Each structure stands twice: as structure tokens, then as C-alpha cells.
Amino acid sequence: MVKNSFISVLPQEEKKENSGSVEFQVFYFTNKIRRLTSHLELHKRDFLSQRGLQRILGKRQRLLTYLSKKNKARYKKLMDQLDIREPKTR
């Protein structure tokens, strides 16, 4: 497994300036999710990592919901950049 196999969407300067922004947090969680997913493909019975993945997915979902309510344009742009599917609505 290669840790740095994911391409950065955000420029390096933007990472240092806005590390607390919603976009950066979603980007960070997305990279972590992809890394854990590839780990779980190799280690199917790693239940602790599965639980961690579910927690991170929930955090990212809450951040995306917050961003979609506050600013639809930024939300759409982020979804396109990170290639994330739209969540199903109930």
C-alpha cells in the first residue's frame, strides 16, 4: 500500500492557509477514507479499521451537509473536484 498515491486537489499554499476550512477537512477525510478502503480490501477482518472508516464517513457527511446548506456553489465545486457521489436523500 502506498500512502501518497492520492493526488492533491488543493494547491500547497491553500493547504497552509486554510487548514481549518470545510473544504480542506472534507479533502483530508476523503484521502483518509480512500486509504482505509484500500487497506480494508487487503485486510477484510480488520474490524477496528472498519469502525474508524464509519466514523470518518459520518464526519465527512456532516461537513458536506453543513456546506450544502451554507453555500451550494462551493459544495458543488468540491463534489466535482473530489469525485464524490451526491448523498441519497430520504
Foldseek 3Di string as FASTA:
>chain_A
DDLPPDDDLDDPVCCVPPVPDLLNLLSVLLSVLVVLVVVCVVVVPPVVSVVVSVVSVVVSVVSLVVCCVVPVVVSVVSCVSSVPDDDDDD
